[in-house]
């Protein structure tokens, strides 16, 4: 655990899908506070930046909620690819995926501060090249499907560049269309939460999930259950 220093909490967390789930928010912010800010050795184990060595019982005691509530919160965070958890019979190593999106490296932050570059600098840096054109295409498609007005940013350009190493732009478009067909992810939920462009392109696994999450695939289990019912009648 990091005893000194501080963490950053961006206001965009207000748009996070778990912002109104108190237990999930408590567990996630506790992990941010406890996460290692640099790679180091813990005995013979390499603890990477963004990793936490802990367990459900320990988190329960620290936060003041039940072990079951901790387990449920961790499951939710795993489901949305916020965390990766490796467990043995003594402890768990919890990795905060995309940790640098939440806590920028101090060296990177210093460079940004000393350079005093304008807020719209990403426009200057991204005027041409495949990734710049593709992220513009993706953000435009996302906005048209979700009725939003998100902008192209350097962070999104970097993410789309990583995704394009595995998937074609046509596949990313299809995944976007499948995501937009989900009522929950377009705002039909008890929190009024909507997915943002970063939700889909934050990992290869997320693209893979929504490429295969088609209306046909969703309908198949219902047909299967109906057939079973007919056989048993």
C-alpha atoms as a PDB file:
ATOM      1  CA  UNK A   1       0.000   0.000   0.000  1.00  0.00           C
ATOM      2  CA  UNK A   2       1.178   3.544  -0.792  1.00  0.00           C
ATOM      3  CA  UNK A   3       1.401   5.463   2.497  1.00  0.00           C
ATOM      4  CA  UNK A   4       2.344   8.839   1.007  1.00  0.00           C
ATOM      5  CA  UNK A   5       1.297  10.985  -1.921  1.00  0.00           C
ATOM      6  CA  UNK A   6      -2.111  11.425  -3.470  1.00  0.00           C
ATOM      7  CA  UNK A   7      -4.298  10.135  -6.280  1.00  0.00           C
ATOM      8  CA  UNK A   8      -6.237  11.972  -8.972  1.00  0.00           C
ATOM      9  CA  UNK A   9      -9.982  11.700  -9.395  1.00  0.00           C
ATOM     10  CA  UNK A  10     -11.268  13.266 -12.607  1.00  0.00           C
ATOM     11  CA  UNK A  11     -14.746  14.807 -12.825  1.00  0.00           C
ATOM     12  CA  UNK A  12     -15.510  12.492 -15.740  1.00  0.00           C
ATOM     13  CA  UNK A  13     -16.038   9.861 -13.036  1.00  0.00           C
ATOM     14  CA  UNK A  14     -19.467  11.471 -12.702  1.00  0.00           C
ATOM     15  CA  UNK A  15     -20.314   9.807 -16.023  1.00  0.00           C
ATOM     16  CA  UNK A  16     -18.961   6.426 -14.878  1.00  0.00           C
ATOM     17  CA  UNK A  17     -21.545   3.664 -15.020  1.00  0.00           C
ATOM     18  CA  UNK A  18     -21.006   2.699 -11.362  1.00  0.00           C
ATOM     19  CA  UNK A  19     -21.034   6.229  -9.920  1.00  0.00           C
ATOM     20  CA  UNK A  20     -24.430   5.695  -8.248  1.00  0.00           C
ATOM     21  CA  UNK A  21     -23.585   2.265  -6.859  1.00  0.00           C
ATOM     22  CA  UNK A  22     -22.088   3.160  -3.432  1.00  0.00           C
ATOM     23  CA  UNK A  23     -20.408  -0.176  -2.761  1.00  0.00           C
ATOM     24  CA  UNK A  24     -18.780  -0.385  -6.189  1.00  0.00           C
ATOM     25  CA  UNK A  25     -17.574   3.215  -5.928  1.00  0.00           C
ATOM     26  CA  UNK A  26     -16.167   2.623  -2.426  1.00  0.00           C
ATOM     27  CA  UNK A  27     -14.346  -0.551  -3.456  1.00  0.00           C
ATOM     28  CA  UNK A  28     -12.910   0.982  -6.638  1.00  0.00           C
ATOM     29  CA  UNK A  29     -11.688   4.208  -4.994  1.00  0.00           C
ATOM     30  CA  UNK A  30     -10.193   2.172  -2.126  1.00  0.00           C
ATOM     31  CA  UNK A  31      -8.255   0.118  -4.688  1.00  0.00           C
ATOM     32  CA  UNK A  32      -7.073   3.314  -6.414  1.00  0.00           C
ATOM     33  CA  UNK A  33      -5.783   4.559  -3.058  1.00  0.00           C
ATOM     34  CA  UNK A  34      -4.019   1.274  -2.303  1.00  0.00           C
ATOM     35  CA  UNK A  35      -2.606   0.585  -5.784  1.00  0.00           C
ATOM     36  CA  UNK A  36       1.127   0.656  -6.385  1.00  0.00           C
ATOM     37  CA  UNK A  37       2.226   3.721  -8.371  1.00  0.00           C
ATOM     38  CA  UNK A  38       5.306   1.909  -9.738  1.00  0.00           C
ATOM     39  CA  UNK A  39       6.608  -1.597 -10.405  1.00  0.00           C
ATOM     40  CA  UNK A  40       8.332  -3.218  -7.426  1.00  0.00           C
ATOM     41  CA  UNK A  41       9.099  -6.609  -5.930  1.00  0.00           C
ATOM     42  CA  UNK A  42       7.069  -7.989  -3.016  1.00  0.00           C
ATOM     43  CA  UNK A  43       9.183 -10.911  -1.895  1.00  0.00           C
ATOM     44  CA  UNK A  44       9.521 -12.957  -5.072  1.00  0.00           C
ATOM     45  CA  UNK A  45       6.410 -11.458  -6.689  1.00  0.00           C
ATOM     46  CA  UNK A  46       6.492  -8.575  -9.162  1.00  0.00           C
ATOM     47  CA  UNK A  47       3.853  -6.016  -8.269  1.00  0.00           C
ATOM     48  CA  UNK A  48       3.190  -3.816 -11.277  1.00  0.00           C
ATOM     49  CA  UNK A  49       1.971  -0.244 -11.393  1.00  0.00           C
ATOM     50  CA  UNK A  50      -1.779  -0.322 -10.721  1.00  0.00           C
ATOM     51  CA  UNK A  51      -1.678  -3.614  -8.754  1.00  0.00           C
ATOM     52  CA  UNK A  52      -3.047  -4.167  -5.240  1.00  0.00           C
ATOM     53  CA  UNK A  53      -2.383  -7.111  -2.933  1.00  0.00           C
ATOM     54  CA  UNK A  54      -5.484  -7.544  -0.794  1.00  0.00           C
ATOM     55  CA  UNK A  55      -8.489  -9.778  -0.192  1.00  0.00           C
ATOM     56  CA  UNK A  56     -12.254  -9.579   0.298  1.00  0.00           C
ATOM     57  CA  UNK A  57     -11.994  -9.876   4.092  1.00  0.00           C
ATOM     58  CA  UNK A  58      -9.398  -7.118   4.293  1.00  0.00           C
ATOM     59  CA  UNK A  59     -11.401  -4.802   2.020  1.00  0.00           C
ATOM     60  CA  UNK A  60     -14.538  -5.523   4.045  1.00  0.00           C
ATOM     61  CA  UNK A  61     -12.799  -4.426   7.266  1.00  0.00           C
ATOM     62  CA  UNK A  62     -11.257  -1.326   5.678  1.00  0.00           C
ATOM     63  CA  UNK A  63     -14.417  -0.078   3.976  1.00  0.00           C
ATOM     64  CA  UNK A  64     -16.989  -1.209   6.526  1.00  0.00           C
ATOM     65  CA  UNK A  65     -19.254  -3.227   4.242  1.00  0.00           C
ATOM     66  CA  UNK A  66     -19.960  -6.957   4.228  1.00  0.00           C
ATOM     67  CA  UNK A  67     -17.703  -9.494   2.525  1.00  0.00           C
ATOM     68  CA  UNK A  68     -20.625 -10.391   0.264  1.00  0.00           C
ATOM     69  CA  UNK A  69     -20.987  -6.737  -0.778  1.00  0.00           C
ATOM     70  CA  UNK A  70     -17.258  -6.580  -1.549  1.00  0.00           C
ATOM     71  CA  UNK A  71     -17.486  -9.758  -3.626  1.00  0.00           C
ATOM     72  CA  UNK A  72     -20.485  -8.387  -5.579  1.00  0.00           C
ATOM     73  CA  UNK A  73     -18.698  -5.083  -6.216  1.00  0.00           C
ATOM     74  CA  UNK A  74     -15.557  -6.842  -7.458  1.00  0.00           C
ATOM     75  CA  UNK A  75     -17.658  -9.027  -9.763  1.00  0.00           C
ATOM     76  CA  UNK A  76     -19.308  -5.951 -11.283  1.00  0.00           C
ATOM     77  CA  UNK A  77     -15.936  -4.272 -11.810  1.00  0.00           C
ATOM     78  CA  UNK A  78     -14.582  -7.409 -13.465  1.00  0.00           C
ATOM     79  CA  UNK A  79     -17.645  -7.615 -15.715  1.00  0.00           C
ATOM     80  CA  UNK A  80     -16.983  -4.129 -17.100  1.00  0.00           C
ATOM     81  CA  UNK A  81     -13.257  -4.837 -17.435  1.00  0.00           C
ATOM     82  CA  UNK A  82     -12.189  -2.352 -14.756  1.00  0.00           C
ATOM     83  CA  UNK A  83     -10.237  -5.025 -12.879  1.00  0.00           C
ATOM     84  CA  UNK A  84      -8.307  -8.240 -13.391  1.00  0.00           C
ATOM     85  CA  UNK A  85      -8.072 -10.481 -10.310  1.00  0.00           C
ATOM     86  CA  UNK A  86      -5.631 -13.335  -9.684  1.00  0.00           C
ATOM     87  CA  UNK A  87      -6.306 -15.277  -6.486  1.00  0.00           C
ATOM     88  CA  UNK A  88      -4.547 -17.960  -4.468  1.00  0.00           C
ATOM     89  CA  UNK A  89      -5.293 -19.419  -1.031  1.00  0.00           C
ATOM     90  CA  UNK A  90      -3.560 -16.533   0.782  1.00  0.00           C
ATOM     91  CA  UNK A  91      -4.315 -13.297  -1.075  1.00  0.00           C
ATOM     92  CA  UNK A  92      -5.464 -11.737  -4.331  1.00  0.00           C
ATOM     93  CA  UNK A  93      -3.523  -9.549  -6.753  1.00  0.00           C
ATOM     94  CA  UNK A  94      -6.026  -7.061  -8.159  1.00  0.00           C
ATOM     95  CA  UNK A  95      -4.892  -5.165 -11.247  1.00  0.00           C
ATOM     96  CA  UNK A  96      -6.645  -1.912 -12.164  1.00  0.00           C
ATOM     97  CA  UNK A  97      -6.930  -2.097 -15.928  1.00  0.00           C
ATOM     98  CA  UNK A  98      -6.026   1.127 -17.753  1.00  0.00           C
ATOM     99  CA  UNK A  99      -4.567   2.464 -14.483  1.00  0.00           C
ATOM    100  CA  UNK A 100      -2.757   5.221 -16.385  1.00  0.00           C
ATOM    101  CA  UNK A 101      -6.115   6.549 -17.581  1.00  0.00           C
ATOM    102  CA  UNK A 102      -6.982   7.223 -13.941  1.00  0.00           C
ATOM    103  CA  UNK A 103      -3.524   8.162 -12.637  1.00  0.00           C
ATOM    104  CA  UNK A 104      -1.179   9.736 -15.138  1.00  0.00           C
ATOM    105  CA  UNK A 105       2.513   9.176 -14.673  1.00  0.00           C
ATOM    106  CA  UNK A 106       4.082  12.104 -12.781  1.00  0.00           C
ATOM    107  CA  UNK A 107       6.763  12.457 -15.434  1.00  0.00           C
ATOM    108  CA  UNK A 108       4.105  12.719 -18.135  1.00  0.00           C
ATOM    109  CA  UNK A 109       2.242  15.267 -16.057  1.00  0.00           C
ATOM    110  CA  UNK A 110       5.390  17.349 -15.511  1.00  0.00           C
ATOM    111  CA  UNK A 111       6.027  17.458 -19.243  1.00  0.00           C
ATOM    112  CA  UNK A 112       2.471  18.650 -19.832  1.00  0.00           C
ATOM    113  CA  UNK A 113       2.793  21.361 -17.179  1.00  0.00           C
ATOM    114  CA  UNK A 114       6.153  22.730 -18.311  1.00  0.00           C
ATOM    115  CA  UNK A 115       5.265  22.770 -21.985  1.00  0.00           C
ATOM    116  CA  UNK A 116       2.127  24.891 -21.318  1.00  0.00           C
ATOM    117  CA  UNK A 117       0.501  23.703 -24.503  1.00  0.00           C
ATOM    118  CA  UNK A 118      -3.024  24.886 -25.376  1.00  0.00           C
ATOM    119  CA  UNK A 119      -6.062  22.794 -24.464  1.00  0.00           C
ATOM    120  CA  UNK A 120      -6.903  22.097 -28.111  1.00  0.00           C
ATOM    121  CA  UNK A 121      -3.401  20.793 -28.860  1.00  0.00           C
ATOM    122  CA  UNK A 122      -4.752  17.357 -29.813  1.00  0.00           C
ATOM    123  CA  UNK A 123      -6.152  19.034 -32.939  1.00  0.00           C
ATOM    124  CA  UNK A 124      -2.641  20.183 -33.886  1.00  0.00           C
ATOM    125  CA  UNK A 125      -1.179  16.712 -33.298  1.00  0.00           C
ATOM    126  CA  UNK A 126      -3.842  14.767 -35.137  1.00  0.00           C
ATOM    127  CA  UNK A 127      -4.318  16.341 -38.552  1.00  0.00           C
ATOM    128  CA  UNK A 128      -3.436  13.368 -40.710  1.00  0.00           C
ATOM    129  CA  UNK A 129      -2.641   9.660 -40.601  1.00  0.00           C
ATOM    130  CA  UNK A 130      -4.767   6.535 -40.503  1.00  0.00           C
ATOM    131  CA  UNK A 131      -5.431   6.550 -36.756  1.00  0.00           C
ATOM    132  CA  UNK A 132      -6.616  10.175 -36.816  1.00  0.00           C
ATOM    133  CA  UNK A 133      -9.048   9.511 -39.645  1.00  0.00           C
ATOM    134  CA  UNK A 134     -10.285   6.300 -38.041  1.00  0.00           C
ATOM    135  CA  UNK A 135     -10.935   7.869 -34.626  1.00  0.00           C
ATOM    136  CA  UNK A 136     -12.855  10.694 -36.321  1.00  0.00           C
ATOM    137  CA  UNK A 137     -14.933   8.072 -38.128  1.00  0.00           C
ATOM    138  CA  UNK A 138     -15.530   6.128 -34.916  1.00  0.00           C
ATOM    139  CA  UNK A 139     -16.499   9.154 -32.793  1.00  0.00           C
ATOM    140  CA  UNK A 140     -18.826  10.452 -35.536  1.00  0.00           C
ATOM    141  CA  UNK A 141     -20.537   7.058 -35.802  1.00  0.00           C
ATOM    142  CA  UNK A 142     -20.842   6.799 -32.023  1.00  0.00           C
ATOM    143  CA  UNK A 143     -22.399  10.266 -31.770  1.00  0.00           C
ATOM    144  CA  UNK A 144     -24.887   9.511 -34.537  1.00  0.00           C
ATOM    145  CA  UNK A 145     -25.998   6.244 -32.908  1.00  0.00           C
ATOM    146  CA  UNK A 146     -26.097   7.492 -29.309  1.00  0.00           C
ATOM    147  CA  UNK A 147     -27.276  11.072 -29.915  1.00  0.00           C
ATOM    148  CA  UNK A 148     -24.174  12.487 -28.214  1.00  0.00           C
ATOM    149  CA  UNK A 149     -21.520  15.087 -29.055  1.00  0.00           C
ATOM    150  CA  UNK A 150     -18.197  13.568 -27.988  1.00  0.00           C
ATOM    151  CA  UNK A 151     -14.925  14.903 -29.404  1.00  0.00           C
ATOM    152  CA  UNK A 152     -11.766  13.346 -30.824  1.00  0.00           C
ATOM    153  CA  UNK A 153      -8.976  13.331 -28.226  1.00  0.00           C
ATOM    154  CA  UNK A 154      -5.396  12.106 -28.021  1.00  0.00           C
ATOM    155  CA  UNK A 155      -6.427   9.404 -25.520  1.00  0.00           C
ATOM    156  CA  UNK A 156      -9.090   8.045 -27.858  1.00  0.00           C
ATOM    157  CA  UNK A 157      -6.695   8.183 -30.805  1.00  0.00           C
ATOM    158  CA  UNK A 158      -4.195   6.052 -28.882  1.00  0.00           C
ATOM    159  CA  UNK A 159      -6.904   3.538 -27.942  1.00  0.00           C
ATOM    160  CA  UNK A 160      -8.207   3.187 -31.494  1.00  0.00           C
ATOM    161  CA  UNK A 161      -4.625   2.711 -32.691  1.00  0.00           C
ATOM    162  CA  UNK A 162      -4.242  -0.247 -30.300  1.00  0.00           C
ATOM    163  CA  UNK A 163      -7.584  -1.762 -31.313  1.00  0.00           C
ATOM    164  CA  UNK A 164      -6.716  -1.460 -35.039  1.00  0.00           C
ATOM    165  CA  UNK A 165      -3.752  -3.767 -34.467  1.00  0.00           C
ATOM    166  CA  UNK A 166      -6.261  -6.574 -33.861  1.00  0.00           C
ATOM    167  CA  UNK A 167      -9.517  -5.506 -35.513  1.00  0.00           C
ATOM    168  CA  UNK A 168     -10.465  -3.791 -38.763  1.00  0.00           C
ATOM    169  CA  UNK A 169     -12.399  -0.540 -38.753  1.00  0.00           C
ATOM    170  CA  UNK A 170     -15.405  -2.377 -40.189  1.00  0.00           C
ATOM    171  CA  UNK A 171     -15.353  -4.721 -37.176  1.00  0.00           C
ATOM    172  CA  UNK A 172     -15.159  -1.767 -34.777  1.00  0.00           C
ATOM    173  CA  UNK A 173     -18.116  -0.163 -36.553  1.00  0.00           C
ATOM    174  CA  UNK A 174     -20.128  -3.376 -36.232  1.00  0.00           C
ATOM    175  CA  UNK A 175     -19.300  -3.631 -32.528  1.00  0.00           C
ATOM    176  CA  UNK A 176     -20.439  -0.005 -32.126  1.00  0.00           C
ATOM    177  CA  UNK A 177     -23.743  -0.742 -33.848  1.00  0.00           C
ATOM    178  CA  UNK A 178     -24.284  -3.824 -31.654  1.00  0.00           C
ATOM    179  CA  UNK A 179     -23.560  -1.741 -28.538  1.00  0.00           C
ATOM    180  CA  UNK A 180     -26.048   0.911 -29.685  1.00  0.00           C
ATOM    181  CA  UNK A 181     -28.697  -1.826 -29.992  1.00  0.00           C
ATOM    182  CA  UNK A 182     -28.451  -2.510 -26.251  1.00  0.00           C
ATOM    183  CA  UNK A 183     -31.139  -0.515 -24.346  1.00  0.00           C
ATOM    184  CA  UNK A 184     -29.114  -0.669 -21.119  1.00  0.00           C
ATOM    185  CA  UNK A 185     -26.054   0.927 -22.725  1.00  0.00           C
ATOM    186  CA  UNK A 186     -28.087   3.665 -24.399  1.00  0.00           C
ATOM    187  CA  UNK A 187     -29.688   4.908 -21.188  1.00  0.00           C
ATOM    188  CA  UNK A 188     -32.573   2.546 -20.446  1.00  0.00           C
ATOM    189  CA  UNK A 189     -31.493   1.675 -16.907  1.00  0.00           C
ATOM    190  CA  UNK A 190     -32.313   2.872 -13.416  1.00  0.00           C
ATOM    191  CA  UNK A 191     -29.326   5.243 -13.390  1.00  0.00           C
ATOM    192  CA  UNK A 192     -29.889   6.797 -16.807  1.00  0.00           C
ATOM    193  CA  UNK A 193     -26.287   5.854 -17.620  1.00  0.00           C
ATOM    194  CA  UNK A 194     -25.058   5.788 -21.236  1.00  0.00           C
ATOM    195  CA  UNK A 195     -21.883   4.256 -22.618  1.00  0.00           C
ATOM    196  CA  UNK A 196     -19.286   6.706 -23.931  1.00  0.00           C
ATOM    197  CA  UNK A 197     -16.815   6.151 -26.821  1.00  0.00           C
ATOM    198  CA  UNK A 198     -14.089   5.005 -24.402  1.00  0.00           C
ATOM    199  CA  UNK A 199     -16.317   2.208 -23.057  1.00  0.00           C
ATOM    200  CA  UNK A 200     -16.055   0.206 -26.293  1.00  0.00           C
ATOM    201  CA  UNK A 201     -12.432   0.844 -27.326  1.00  0.00           C
ATOM    202  CA  UNK A 202     -10.785   0.483 -23.929  1.00  0.00           C
ATOM    203  CA  UNK A 203      -9.727  -3.123 -24.636  1.00  0.00           C
ATOM    204  CA  UNK A 204      -9.608  -5.809 -27.340  1.00  0.00           C
ATOM    205  CA  UNK A 205     -11.851  -7.980 -25.175  1.00  0.00           C
ATOM    206  CA  UNK A 206     -14.533  -5.297 -25.201  1.00  0.00           C
ATOM    207  CA  UNK A 207     -14.515  -5.131 -29.009  1.00  0.00           C
ATOM    208  CA  UNK A 208     -14.622  -8.922 -29.159  1.00  0.00           C
ATOM    209  CA  UNK A 209     -17.579  -9.039 -26.764  1.00  0.00           C
ATOM    210  CA  UNK A 210     -19.707  -6.599 -28.753  1.00  0.00           C
ATOM    211  CA  UNK A 211     -18.759  -8.063 -32.110  1.00  0.00           C
ATOM    212  CA  UNK A 212     -20.433 -11.264 -30.948  1.00  0.00           C
ATOM    213  CA  UNK A 213     -23.215  -9.628 -28.946  1.00  0.00           C
ATOM    214  CA  UNK A 214     -25.660  -9.459 -31.855  1.00  0.00           C
ATOM    215  CA  UNK A 215     -29.481  -9.478 -31.692  1.00  0.00           C
ATOM    216  CA  UNK A 216     -29.402 -12.993 -33.174  1.00  0.00           C
ATOM    217  CA  UNK A 217     -27.104 -14.255 -30.419  1.00  0.00           C
ATOM    218  CA  UNK A 218     -29.283 -12.640 -27.766  1.00  0.00           C
ATOM    219  CA  UNK A 219     -32.405 -14.253 -29.148  1.00  0.00           C
ATOM    220  CA  UNK A 220     -30.929 -17.740 -29.407  1.00  0.00           C
ATOM    221  CA  UNK A 221     -31.191 -18.681 -25.686  1.00  0.00           C
ATOM    222  CA  UNK A 222     -34.909 -17.751 -25.697  1.00  0.00           C
ATOM    223  CA  UNK A 223     -35.569 -20.008 -28.692  1.00  0.00           C
ATOM    224  CA  UNK A 224     -33.610 -22.786 -27.001  1.00  0.00           C
ATOM    225  CA  UNK A 225     -35.690 -22.485 -23.821  1.00  0.00           C
ATOM    226  CA  UNK A 226     -38.885 -22.524 -25.862  1.00  0.00           C
ATOM    227  CA  UNK A 227     -37.821 -25.703 -27.645  1.00  0.00           C
ATOM    228  CA  UNK A 228     -37.009 -27.368 -24.335  1.00  0.00           C
ATOM    229  CA  UNK A 229     -40.447 -26.408 -23.062  1.00  0.00           C
ATOM    230  CA  UNK A 230     -42.096 -27.948 -26.124  1.00  0.00           C
ATOM    231  CA  UNK A 231     -40.144 -31.179 -25.688  1.00  0.00           C
ATOM    232  CA  UNK A 232     -41.153 -31.440 -22.027  1.00  0.00           C
ATOM    233  CA  UNK A 233     -44.847 -30.674 -22.643  1.00  0.00           C
END
